[in-house]
PDB file of N, CA and C in Angstrom:
ATOM      1  N   MET A   1     -34.481 -45.252 -18.911  1.00  0.00           N
ATOM      2  CA  MET A   1     -33.653 -44.326 -19.548  1.00  0.00           C
ATOM      3  C   MET A   1     -32.914 -44.919 -20.902  1.00  0.00           C
ATOM      4  N   THR A   2     -32.823 -44.313 -21.779  1.00  0.00           N
ATOM      5  CA  THR A   2     -32.036 -44.770 -23.037  1.00  0.00           C
ATOM      6  C   THR A   2     -30.544 -44.507 -22.847  1.00  0.00           C
ATOM      7  N   LEU A   3     -29.759 -45.166 -23.474  1.00  0.00           N
ATOM      8  CA  LEU A   3     -28.268 -44.821 -23.353  1.00  0.00           C
ATOM      9  C   LEU A   3     -27.797 -43.408 -23.690  1.00  0.00           C
ATOM     10  N   THR A   4     -28.495 -42.970 -24.526  1.00  0.00           N
ATOM     11  CA  THR A   4     -28.252 -41.496 -24.790  1.00  0.00           C
ATOM     12  C   THR A   4     -28.855 -40.605 -23.641  1.00  0.00           C
ATOM     13  N   GLN A   5     -29.758 -40.896 -23.181  1.00  0.00           N
ATOM     14  CA  GLN A   5     -30.236 -40.234 -21.948  1.00  0.00           C
ATOM     15  C   GLN A   5     -29.136 -40.289 -20.597  1.00  0.00           C
ATOM     16  N   GLN A   6     -28.797 -41.549 -20.574  1.00  0.00           N
ATOM     17  CA  GLN A   6     -27.668 -41.894 -19.468  1.00  0.00           C
ATOM     18  C   GLN A   6     -26.278 -41.078 -19.590  1.00  0.00           C
ATOM     19  N   ILE A   7     -25.914 -40.910 -20.792  1.00  0.00           N
ATOM     20  CA  ILE A   7     -24.846 -40.303 -21.283  1.00  0.00           C
ATOM     21  C   ILE A   7     -24.816 -38.720 -20.956  1.00  0.00           C
ATOM     22  N   ILE A   8     -25.940 -38.175 -21.567  1.00  0.00           N
ATOM     23  CA  ILE A   8     -26.251 -36.980 -21.134  1.00  0.00           C
ATOM     24  C   ILE A   8     -26.382 -36.665 -19.459  1.00  0.00           C
ATOM     25  N   THR A   9     -26.986 -37.321 -18.830  1.00  0.00           N
ATOM     26  CA  THR A   9     -27.062 -37.354 -17.503  1.00  0.00           C
ATOM     27  C   THR A   9     -25.826 -37.273 -16.651  1.00  0.00           C
ATOM     28  N   ILE A  10     -24.857 -38.441 -17.251  1.00  0.00           N
ATOM     29  CA  ILE A  10     -23.597 -38.301 -16.614  1.00  0.00           C
ATOM     30  C   ILE A  10     -22.821 -37.316 -16.895  1.00  0.00           C
ATOM     31  N   GLY A  11     -22.848 -36.676 -18.291  1.00  0.00           N
ATOM     32  CA  GLY A  11     -22.318 -35.510 -18.718  1.00  0.00           C
ATOM     33  C   GLY A  11     -22.612 -34.341 -17.734  1.00  0.00           C
ATOM     34  N   VAL A  12     -23.846 -34.138 -17.600  1.00  0.00           N
ATOM     35  CA  VAL A  12     -24.183 -32.946 -16.743  1.00  0.00           C
ATOM     36  C   VAL A  12     -23.772 -33.076 -15.490  1.00  0.00           C
ATOM     37  N   VAL A  13     -23.788 -34.372 -14.944  1.00  0.00           N
ATOM     38  CA  VAL A  13     -23.307 -34.446 -13.406  1.00  0.00           C
ATOM     39  C   VAL A  13     -21.758 -34.048 -13.387  1.00  0.00           C
ATOM     40  N   VAL A  14     -20.950 -34.549 -14.286  1.00  0.00           N
ATOM     41  CA  VAL A  14     -19.536 -34.309 -14.273  1.00  0.00           C
ATOM     42  C   VAL A  14     -19.315 -32.883 -14.620  1.00  0.00           C
ATOM     43  N   LEU A  15     -19.969 -32.336 -15.488  1.00  0.00           N
ATOM     44  CA  LEU A  15     -19.741 -30.881 -15.645  1.00  0.00           C
ATOM     45  C   LEU A  15     -20.239 -30.073 -14.196  1.00  0.00           C
ATOM     46  N   GLY A  16     -21.278 -30.358 -13.675  1.00  0.00           N
ATOM     47  CA  GLY A  16     -21.648 -29.460 -12.501  1.00  0.00           C
ATOM     48  C   GLY A  16     -20.521 -29.786 -11.508  1.00  0.00           C
ATOM     49  N   THR A  17     -20.026 -30.922 -11.209  1.00  0.00           N
ATOM     50  CA  THR A  17     -19.044 -31.478 -10.278  1.00  0.00           C
ATOM     51  C   THR A  17     -17.813 -30.603 -10.742  1.00  0.00           C
ATOM     52  N   MET A  18     -17.345 -30.509 -11.811  1.00  0.00           N
ATOM     53  CA  MET A  18     -16.116 -29.855 -12.159  1.00  0.00           C
ATOM     54  C   MET A  18     -16.181 -28.389 -12.040  1.00  0.00           C
ATOM     55  N   LEU A  19     -17.487 -27.921 -12.163  1.00  0.00           N
ATOM     56  CA  LEU A  19     -17.608 -26.493 -12.077  1.00  0.00           C
ATOM     57  C   LEU A  19     -17.740 -26.232 -10.618  1.00  0.00           C
ATOM     58  N   THR A  20     -18.296 -26.756  -9.534  1.00  0.00           N
ATOM     59  CA  THR A  20     -18.219 -26.396  -8.267  1.00  0.00           C
ATOM     60  C   THR A  20     -16.665 -26.707  -8.010  1.00  0.00           C
ATOM     61  N   ARG A  21     -15.919 -27.355  -8.391  1.00  0.00           N
ATOM     62  CA  ARG A  21     -14.701 -27.713  -7.863  1.00  0.00           C
ATOM     63  C   ARG A  21     -13.563 -26.432  -8.380  1.00  0.00           C
ATOM     64  N   PHE A  22     -13.824 -26.139  -9.593  1.00  0.00           N
ATOM     65  CA  PHE A  22     -12.966 -25.280 -10.286  1.00  0.00           C
ATOM     66  C   PHE A  22     -13.383 -23.651  -9.917  1.00  0.00           C
ATOM     67  N   LEU A  23     -14.657 -23.336  -9.722  1.00  0.00           N
ATOM     68  CA  LEU A  23     -15.293 -22.315  -9.793  1.00  0.00           C
ATOM     69  C   LEU A  23     -14.440 -21.252  -8.491  1.00  0.00           C
ATOM     70  N   PRO A  24     -14.133 -21.796  -7.336  1.00  0.00           N
ATOM     71  CA  PRO A  24     -13.549 -20.861  -6.382  1.00  0.00           C
ATOM     72  C   PRO A  24     -12.292 -20.438  -6.916  1.00  0.00           C
ATOM     73  N   PHE A  25     -11.605 -21.522  -7.648  1.00  0.00           N
ATOM     74  CA  PHE A  25     -10.266 -20.933  -8.171  1.00  0.00           C
ATOM     75  C   PHE A  25     -10.200 -20.022  -9.225  1.00  0.00           C
ATOM     76  N   MET A  26     -11.437 -19.997  -9.912  1.00  0.00           N
ATOM     77  CA  MET A  26     -11.405 -18.820 -11.093  1.00  0.00           C
ATOM     78  C   MET A  26     -11.991 -17.615 -10.565  1.00  0.00           C
ATOM     79  N   ILE A  27     -12.675 -17.517  -9.429  1.00  0.00           N
ATOM     80  CA  ILE A  27     -13.062 -16.453  -8.844  1.00  0.00           C
ATOM     81  C   ILE A  27     -12.112 -15.700  -7.933  1.00  0.00           C
ATOM     82  N   PHE A  28     -11.587 -16.403  -7.126  1.00  0.00           N
ATOM     83  CA  PHE A  28     -10.537 -16.064  -6.304  1.00  0.00           C
ATOM     84  C   PHE A  28      -9.187 -16.243  -6.765  1.00  0.00           C
ATOM     85  N   SER A  29      -8.397 -15.168  -7.227  1.00  0.00           N
ATOM     86  CA  SER A  29      -7.016 -15.661  -7.715  1.00  0.00           C
ATOM     87  C   SER A  29      -6.031 -15.486  -6.514  1.00  0.00           C
ATOM     88  N   LYS A  30      -4.998 -16.119  -6.830  1.00  0.00           N
ATOM     89  CA  LYS A  30      -3.909 -16.153  -5.699  1.00  0.00           C
ATOM     90  C   LYS A  30      -3.218 -14.605  -5.433  1.00  0.00           C
ATOM     91  N   ASN A  31      -3.540 -13.760  -6.253  1.00  0.00           N
ATOM     92  CA  ASN A  31      -2.769 -12.290  -6.097  1.00  0.00           C
ATOM     93  C   ASN A  31      -3.634 -11.566  -5.273  1.00  0.00           C
ATOM     94  N   LYS A  32      -5.075 -11.935  -5.117  1.00  0.00           N
ATOM     95  CA  LYS A  32      -5.645 -11.095  -4.196  1.00  0.00           C
ATOM     96  C   LYS A  32      -6.255 -11.727  -2.912  1.00  0.00           C
ATOM     97  N   GLU A  33      -6.329 -11.072  -1.906  1.00  0.00           N
ATOM     98  CA  GLU A  33      -6.863 -11.536  -0.480  1.00  0.00           C
ATOM     99  C   GLU A  33      -8.153 -11.984  -0.648  1.00  0.00           C
ATOM    100  N   THR A  34      -8.442 -13.343   0.008  1.00  0.00           N
ATOM    101  CA  THR A  34      -9.846 -13.627  -0.017  1.00  0.00           C
ATOM    102  C   THR A  34     -10.560 -12.843   0.861  1.00  0.00           C
ATOM    103  N   PRO A  35     -11.695 -12.150   0.369  1.00  0.00           N
ATOM    104  CA  PRO A  35     -12.680 -11.461   1.022  1.00  0.00           C
ATOM    105  C   PRO A  35     -13.066 -11.766   2.357  1.00  0.00           C
ATOM    106  N   LYS A  36     -13.425 -10.840   3.204  1.00  0.00           N
ATOM    107  CA  LYS A  36     -13.410 -11.105   4.737  1.00  0.00           C
ATOM    108  C   LYS A  36     -14.813 -11.981   4.912  1.00  0.00           C
ATOM    109  N   TYR A  37     -15.806 -11.874   4.122  1.00  0.00           N
ATOM    110  CA  TYR A  37     -17.174 -12.765   4.439  1.00  0.00           C
ATOM    111  C   TYR A  37     -16.839 -14.130   4.083  1.00  0.00           C
ATOM    112  N   VAL A  38     -15.892 -14.249   3.153  1.00  0.00           N
ATOM    113  CA  VAL A  38     -15.511 -15.915   2.605  1.00  0.00           C
ATOM    114  C   VAL A  38     -14.657 -16.463   3.715  1.00  0.00           C
ATOM    115  N   GLN A  39     -13.755 -15.729   4.316  1.00  0.00           N
ATOM    116  CA  GLN A  39     -13.042 -16.170   5.549  1.00  0.00           C
ATOM    117  C   GLN A  39     -13.983 -16.409   6.552  1.00  0.00           C
ATOM    118  N   TYR A  40     -14.937 -15.485   6.922  1.00  0.00           N
ATOM    119  CA  TYR A  40     -15.783 -15.818   7.862  1.00  0.00           C
ATOM    120  C   TYR A  40     -16.608 -16.865   7.747  1.00  0.00           C
ATOM    121  N   LEU A  41     -17.117 -17.272   6.659  1.00  0.00           N
ATOM    122  CA  LEU A  41     -17.894 -18.513   6.305  1.00  0.00           C
ATOM    123  C   LEU A  41     -17.126 -19.622   6.340  1.00  0.00           C
ATOM    124  N   GLY A  42     -15.747 -19.468   6.154  1.00  0.00           N
ATOM    125  CA  GLY A  42     -14.963 -20.730   6.377  1.00  0.00           C
ATOM    126  C   GLY A  42     -14.940 -20.884   7.668  1.00  0.00           C
ATOM    127  N   ALA A  43     -14.615 -20.027   8.488  1.00  0.00           N
ATOM    128  CA  ALA A  43     -14.502 -20.208   9.998  1.00  0.00           C
ATOM    129  C   ALA A  43     -15.949 -20.660  10.774  1.00  0.00           C
ATOM    130  N   VAL A  44     -17.119 -20.228  10.300  1.00  0.00           N
ATOM    131  CA  VAL A  44     -18.223 -20.763  10.924  1.00  0.00           C
ATOM    132  C   VAL A  44     -19.124 -21.824  10.442  1.00  0.00           C
ATOM    133  N   LEU A  45     -18.794 -22.107   9.197  1.00  0.00           N
ATOM    134  CA  LEU A  45     -19.741 -22.955   8.601  1.00  0.00           C
ATOM    135  C   LEU A  45     -19.696 -24.496   8.850  1.00  0.00           C
ATOM    136  N   PRO A  46     -18.357 -24.906   9.118  1.00  0.00           N
ATOM    137  CA  PRO A  46     -18.273 -26.286   9.522  1.00  0.00           C
ATOM    138  C   PRO A  46     -18.946 -26.719  10.912  1.00  0.00           C
ATOM    139  N   ALA A  47     -18.948 -25.761  11.791  1.00  0.00           N
ATOM    140  CA  ALA A  47     -19.541 -26.127  12.969  1.00  0.00           C
ATOM    141  C   ALA A  47     -21.037 -26.053  12.998  1.00  0.00           C
ATOM    142  N   ALA A  48     -21.395 -24.982  12.060  1.00  0.00           N
ATOM    143  CA  ALA A  48     -23.103 -24.868  11.938  1.00  0.00           C
ATOM    144  C   ALA A  48     -23.459 -26.164  11.146  1.00  0.00           C
ATOM    145  N   VAL A  49     -22.689 -26.654   9.967  1.00  0.00           N
ATOM    146  CA  VAL A  49     -23.168 -27.855   9.433  1.00  0.00           C
ATOM    147  C   VAL A  49     -23.279 -29.041  10.192  1.00  0.00           C
ATOM    148  N   PHE A  50     -22.145 -29.341  11.157  1.00  0.00           N
ATOM    149  CA  PHE A  50     -22.159 -30.238  12.189  1.00  0.00           C
ATOM    150  C   PHE A  50     -23.439 -30.179  13.108  1.00  0.00           C
ATOM    151  N   GLY A  51     -23.647 -29.115  13.511  1.00  0.00           N
ATOM    152  CA  GLY A  51     -24.781 -28.937  14.546  1.00  0.00           C
ATOM    153  C   GLY A  51     -26.024 -29.364  13.742  1.00  0.00           C
ATOM    154  N   PHE A  52     -26.184 -28.717  12.576  1.00  0.00           N
ATOM    155  CA  PHE A  52     -27.609 -29.146  11.681  1.00  0.00           C
ATOM    156  C   PHE A  52     -27.589 -30.404  11.562  1.00  0.00           C
ATOM    157  N   LEU A  53     -26.524 -31.239  11.178  1.00  0.00           N
ATOM    158  CA  LEU A  53     -26.623 -32.586  11.203  1.00  0.00           C
ATOM    159  C   LEU A  53     -26.932 -33.448  12.234  1.00  0.00           C
ATOM    160  N   VAL A  54     -26.561 -32.914  13.473  1.00  0.00           N
ATOM    161  CA  VAL A  54     -26.927 -33.621  14.714  1.00  0.00           C
ATOM    162  C   VAL A  54     -28.474 -33.415  14.972  1.00  0.00           C
ATOM    163  N   VAL A  55     -28.930 -32.287  14.733  1.00  0.00           N
ATOM    164  CA  VAL A  55     -30.424 -31.828  15.027  1.00  0.00           C
ATOM    165  C   VAL A  55     -31.211 -32.580  13.884  1.00  0.00           C
ATOM    166  N   TYR A  56     -30.954 -32.742  12.694  1.00  0.00           N
ATOM    167  CA  TYR A  56     -31.361 -33.489  11.609  1.00  0.00           C
ATOM    168  C   TYR A  56     -31.609 -35.011  12.018  1.00  0.00           C
ATOM    169  N   ALA A  57     -30.356 -35.503  12.435  1.00  0.00           N
ATOM    170  CA  ALA A  57     -30.319 -36.871  12.757  1.00  0.00           C
ATOM    171  C   ALA A  57     -31.154 -37.118  13.970  1.00  0.00           C
ATOM    172  N   LEU A  58     -31.312 -36.335  15.063  1.00  0.00           N
ATOM    173  CA  LEU A  58     -31.915 -36.575  16.131  1.00  0.00           C
ATOM    174  C   LEU A  58     -33.516 -35.984  16.191  1.00  0.00           C
ATOM    175  N   ARG A  59     -33.931 -35.721  15.080  1.00  0.00           N
ATOM    176  CA  ARG A  59     -35.118 -35.011  15.107  1.00  0.00           C
ATOM    177  C   ARG A  59     -36.342 -35.735  15.343  1.00  0.00           C
ATOM    178  N   LYS A  60     -36.303 -37.145  14.810  1.00  0.00           N
ATOM    179  CA  LYS A  60     -37.379 -38.181  15.349  1.00  0.00           C
ATOM    180  C   LYS A  60     -37.043 -38.998  16.271  1.00  0.00           C
ATOM    181  N   THR A  61     -35.933 -38.938  17.031  1.00  0.00           N
ATOM    182  CA  THR A  61     -35.688 -39.781  18.118  1.00  0.00           C
ATOM    183  C   THR A  61     -36.517 -39.556  19.416  1.00  0.00           C
ATOM    184  N   PRO A  62     -37.346 -40.396  20.017  1.00  0.00           N
ATOM    185  CA  PRO A  62     -38.064 -40.254  21.077  1.00  0.00           C
ATOM    186  C   PRO A  62     -37.126 -40.447  22.327  1.00  0.00           C
ATOM    187  N   ILE A  63     -36.695 -39.189  22.789  1.00  0.00           N
ATOM    188  CA  ILE A  63     -35.835 -39.129  23.934  1.00  0.00           C
ATOM    189  C   ILE A  63     -36.436 -39.764  25.039  1.00  0.00           C
ATOM    190  N   MET A  64     -35.948 -40.597  25.973  1.00  0.00           N
ATOM    191  CA  MET A  64     -36.344 -40.966  27.368  1.00  0.00           C
ATOM    192  C   MET A  64     -37.693 -41.919  27.175  1.00  0.00           C
ATOM    193  N   SER A  65     -38.183 -42.535  26.006  1.00  0.00           N
ATOM    194  CA  SER A  65     -39.239 -43.200  25.841  1.00  0.00           C
ATOM    195  C   SER A  65     -38.813 -44.689  25.875  1.00  0.00           C
ATOM    196  N   GLY A  66     -39.024 -45.193  27.185  1.00  0.00           N
ATOM    197  CA  GLY A  66     -38.198 -46.466  27.340  1.00  0.00           C
ATOM    198  C   GLY A  66     -36.724 -46.730  27.126  1.00  0.00           C
ATOM    199  N   SER A  67     -36.226 -47.494  26.382  1.00  0.00           N
ATOM    200  CA  SER A  67     -34.696 -47.619  26.122  1.00  0.00           C
ATOM    201  C   SER A  67     -34.366 -46.754  24.851  1.00  0.00           C
ATOM    202  N   HIS A  68     -35.268 -46.036  24.153  1.00  0.00           N
ATOM    203  CA  HIS A  68     -34.945 -45.124  23.065  1.00  0.00           C
ATOM    204  C   HIS A  68     -34.291 -44.060  23.511  1.00  0.00           C
ATOM    205  N   GLY A  69     -33.588 -43.449  22.804  1.00  0.00           N
ATOM    206  CA  GLY A  69     -32.778 -42.361  23.138  1.00  0.00           C
ATOM    207  C   GLY A  69     -31.464 -42.438  24.007  1.00  0.00           C
ATOM    208  N   ILE A  70     -31.512 -43.394  24.695  1.00  0.00           N
ATOM    209  CA  ILE A  70     -30.388 -43.631  25.536  1.00  0.00           C
ATOM    210  C   ILE A  70     -29.089 -43.851  24.980  1.00  0.00           C
ATOM    211  N   PRO A  71     -28.942 -44.801  24.054  1.00  0.00           N
ATOM    212  CA  PRO A  71     -27.835 -44.899  23.065  1.00  0.00           C
ATOM    213  C   PRO A  71     -27.335 -43.704  22.413  1.00  0.00           C
ATOM    214  N   GLU A  72     -28.295 -43.027  21.956  1.00  0.00           N
ATOM    215  CA  GLU A  72     -27.995 -41.593  21.229  1.00  0.00           C
ATOM    216  C   GLU A  72     -27.491 -40.718  22.133  1.00  0.00           C
ATOM    217  N   LEU A  73     -28.094 -40.549  23.302  1.00  0.00           N
ATOM    218  CA  LEU A  73     -27.443 -39.620  24.290  1.00  0.00           C
ATOM    219  C   LEU A  73     -26.042 -39.972  24.975  1.00  0.00           C
ATOM    220  N   ILE A  74     -25.772 -41.235  24.900  1.00  0.00           N
ATOM    221  CA  ILE A  74     -24.478 -41.790  25.541  1.00  0.00           C
ATOM    222  C   ILE A  74     -23.519 -41.605  24.402  1.00  0.00           C
ATOM    223  N   ALA A  75     -23.775 -41.966  23.086  1.00  0.00           N
ATOM    224  CA  ALA A  75     -23.060 -41.681  21.950  1.00  0.00           C
ATOM    225  C   ALA A  75     -22.593 -40.229  21.750  1.00  0.00           C
ATOM    226  N   ILE A  76     -23.812 -39.283  22.043  1.00  0.00           N
ATOM    227  CA  ILE A  76     -23.526 -37.948  21.896  1.00  0.00           C
ATOM    228  C   ILE A  76     -22.342 -37.327  22.949  1.00  0.00           C
ATOM    229  N   GLY A  77     -22.491 -37.881  24.219  1.00  0.00           N
ATOM    230  CA  GLY A  77     -21.711 -37.551  25.265  1.00  0.00           C
ATOM    231  C   GLY A  77     -20.342 -38.082  24.945  1.00  0.00           C
ATOM    232  N   VAL A  78     -20.020 -39.360  24.257  1.00  0.00           N
ATOM    233  CA  VAL A  78     -18.600 -39.868  24.002  1.00  0.00           C
ATOM    234  C   VAL A  78     -18.042 -38.929  23.064  1.00  0.00           C
ATOM    235  N   LEU A  79     -19.010 -38.469  21.903  1.00  0.00           N
ATOM    236  CA  LEU A  79     -18.423 -37.603  20.867  1.00  0.00           C
ATOM    237  C   LEU A  79     -18.020 -36.381  21.397  1.00  0.00           C
ATOM    238  N   VAL A  80     -18.710 -35.805  22.287  1.00  0.00           N
ATOM    239  CA  VAL A  80     -18.565 -34.462  22.816  1.00  0.00           C
ATOM    240  C   VAL A  80     -17.122 -34.521  23.782  1.00  0.00           C
ATOM    241  N   GLY A  81     -17.074 -35.487  24.298  1.00  0.00           N
ATOM    242  CA  GLY A  81     -16.041 -35.885  25.361  1.00  0.00           C
ATOM    243  C   GLY A  81     -14.748 -35.954  24.391  1.00  0.00           C
ATOM    244  N   LEU A  82     -14.567 -37.060  23.632  1.00  0.00           N
ATOM    245  CA  LEU A  82     -13.592 -36.903  22.579  1.00  0.00           C
ATOM    246  C   LEU A  82     -13.073 -35.855  22.007  1.00  0.00           C
ATOM    247  N   HIS A  83     -14.144 -35.000  21.491  1.00  0.00           N
ATOM    248  CA  HIS A  83     -13.717 -33.845  20.915  1.00  0.00           C
ATOM    249  C   HIS A  83     -13.101 -32.830  21.861  1.00  0.00           C
ATOM    250  N   LEU A  84     -13.483 -32.769  23.072  1.00  0.00           N
ATOM    251  CA  LEU A  84     -13.116 -31.995  24.131  1.00  0.00           C
ATOM    252  C   LEU A  84     -11.637 -32.228  24.269  1.00  0.00           C
ATOM    253  N   ILE A  85     -11.250 -33.679  24.368  1.00  0.00           N
ATOM    254  CA  ILE A  85     -10.140 -34.247  24.846  1.00  0.00           C
ATOM    255  C   ILE A  85      -9.050 -34.026  23.457  1.00  0.00           C
ATOM    256  N   LYS A  86      -9.533 -34.558  22.489  1.00  0.00           N
ATOM    257  CA  LYS A  86      -8.492 -34.683  21.222  1.00  0.00           C
ATOM    258  C   LYS A  86      -8.679 -33.769  20.244  1.00  0.00           C
ATOM    259  N   ARG A  87      -9.862 -32.725  20.134  1.00  0.00           N
ATOM    260  CA  ARG A  87     -10.029 -31.715  19.198  1.00  0.00           C
ATOM    261  C   ARG A  87      -9.486 -32.078  17.803  1.00  0.00           C
ATOM    262  N   ASN A  88     -10.309 -33.439  17.538  1.00  0.00           N
ATOM    263  CA  ASN A  88      -9.967 -33.953  16.172  1.00  0.00           C
ATOM    264  C   ASN A  88     -11.466 -34.494  15.610  1.00  0.00           C
ATOM    265  N   MET A  89     -12.114 -33.837  14.756  1.00  0.00           N
ATOM    266  CA  MET A  89     -13.399 -34.065  14.280  1.00  0.00           C
ATOM    267  C   MET A  89     -13.615 -35.621  13.755  1.00  0.00           C
ATOM    268  N   LEU A  90     -12.624 -35.936  13.115  1.00  0.00           N
ATOM    269  CA  LEU A  90     -12.868 -37.401  12.699  1.00  0.00           C
ATOM    270  C   LEU A  90     -12.711 -38.402  13.796  1.00  0.00           C
ATOM    271  N   ILE A  91     -11.999 -38.275  14.664  1.00  0.00           N
ATOM    272  CA  ILE A  91     -11.767 -39.247  15.825  1.00  0.00           C
ATOM    273  C   ILE A  91     -13.256 -38.964  16.571  1.00  0.00           C
ATOM    274  N   SER A  92     -13.566 -37.858  16.842  1.00  0.00           N
ATOM    275  CA  SER A  92     -15.087 -37.616  17.579  1.00  0.00           C
ATOM    276  C   SER A  92     -16.018 -38.328  16.679  1.00  0.00           C
ATOM    277  N   ILE A  93     -16.199 -37.992  15.346  1.00  0.00           N
ATOM    278  CA  ILE A  93     -17.259 -38.787  14.711  1.00  0.00           C
ATOM    279  C   ILE A  93     -17.225 -40.392  14.816  1.00  0.00           C
ATOM    280  N   ALA A  94     -15.910 -40.687  14.585  1.00  0.00           N
ATOM    281  CA  ALA A  94     -15.961 -42.141  14.435  1.00  0.00           C
ATOM    282  C   ALA A  94     -16.056 -42.686  15.733  1.00  0.00           C
ATOM    283  N   GLY A  95     -15.528 -42.083  16.873  1.00  0.00           N
ATOM    284  CA  GLY A  95     -15.669 -42.668  18.158  1.00  0.00           C
ATOM    285  C   GLY A  95     -17.104 -42.719  18.534  1.00  0.00           C
ATOM    286  N   GLY A  96     -17.947 -41.660  18.330  1.00  0.00           N
ATOM    287  CA  GLY A  96     -19.320 -41.556  18.803  1.00  0.00           C
ATOM    288  C   GLY A  96     -20.112 -42.683  18.130  1.00  0.00           C
ATOM    289  N   THR A  97     -20.019 -42.763  16.503  1.00  0.00           N
ATOM    290  CA  THR A  97     -20.437 -43.696  15.796  1.00  0.00           C
ATOM    291  C   THR A  97     -20.301 -45.198  16.394  1.00  0.00           C
ATOM    292  N   ILE A  98     -19.012 -45.378  16.669  1.00  0.00           N
ATOM    293  CA  ILE A  98     -18.681 -47.114  17.011  1.00  0.00           C
ATOM    294  C   ILE A  98     -19.641 -47.119  18.314  1.00  0.00           C
ATOM    295  N   VAL A  99     -19.607 -46.240  19.337  1.00  0.00           N
ATOM    296  CA  VAL A  99     -20.094 -46.448  20.654  1.00  0.00           C
ATOM    297  C   VAL A  99     -21.660 -46.445  20.191  1.00  0.00           C
ATOM    298  N   TYR A 100     -22.253 -45.590  19.388  1.00  0.00           N
ATOM    299  CA  TYR A 100     -23.544 -45.811  19.207  1.00  0.00           C
ATOM    300  C   TYR A 100     -24.008 -47.194  18.590  1.00  0.00           C
ATOM    301  N   MET A 101     -23.148 -47.660  17.692  1.00  0.00           N
ATOM    302  CA  MET A 101     -23.348 -49.062  16.778  1.00  0.00           C
ATOM    303  C   MET A 101     -23.205 -50.128  17.845  1.00  0.00           C
ATOM    304  N   LEU A 102     -22.071 -49.953  18.629  1.00  0.00           N
ATOM    305  CA  LEU A 102     -22.183 -51.075  19.731  1.00  0.00           C
ATOM    306  C   LEU A 102     -23.204 -51.184  20.878  1.00  0.00           C
ATOM    307  N   LEU A 103     -23.716 -50.014  21.060  1.00  0.00           N
ATOM    308  CA  LEU A 103     -24.785 -49.973  22.145  1.00  0.00           C
ATOM    309  C   LEU A 103     -25.892 -50.572  21.471  1.00  0.00           C
ATOM    310  N   VAL A 104     -26.339 -50.167  20.212  1.00  0.00           N
ATOM    311  CA  VAL A 104     -27.555 -50.605  19.657  1.00  0.00           C
ATOM    312  C   VAL A 104     -27.536 -51.936  19.280  1.00  0.00           C
ATOM    313  N   GLN A 105     -26.279 -52.454  18.864  1.00  0.00           N
ATOM    314  CA  GLN A 105     -26.143 -53.980  18.351  1.00  0.00           C
ATOM    315  C   GLN A 105     -26.082 -54.955  19.734  1.00  0.00           C
ATOM    316  N   LEU A 106     -25.438 -54.490  20.827  1.00  0.00           N
ATOM    317  CA  LEU A 106     -25.088 -55.443  21.738  1.00  0.00           C
ATOM    318  C   LEU A 106     -25.847 -55.255  22.771  1.00  0.00           C
ATOM    319  N   VAL A 107     -26.170 -54.055  23.327  1.00  0.00           N
ATOM    320  CA  VAL A 107     -26.672 -53.692  24.592  1.00  0.00           C
ATOM    321  C   VAL A 107     -28.400 -53.460  24.473  1.00  0.00           C
ATOM    322  N   PHE A 108     -28.861 -52.765  23.796  1.00  0.00           N
ATOM    323  CA  PHE A 108     -30.224 -52.160  23.730  1.00  0.00           C
ATOM    324  C   PHE A 108     -31.005 -52.995  22.546  1.00  0.00           C
TER     325      PHE A 108
END
């Protein structure tokens, strides 16, 4: 890539990022109530995306094939348990990730 192409690419990426950040504030003003469908999407999308990421991450994991799949299942159990106890997504994800990495590096 030439320097000109790099500058154009960076400019387009910056413009796209700024547009996605500012567009909701330009479309939905403070004076009007947010439409019901946007409120609905704000309520259901975080859980849907989280579920999709779990399915995507585990799609090629051979569950119960030797020792494969056991660390993943234990980490998912810890993640769910932490979320039920603490109700904090960050703690749940961090706890599940730490448990998984410890199991993979030290046990299995």
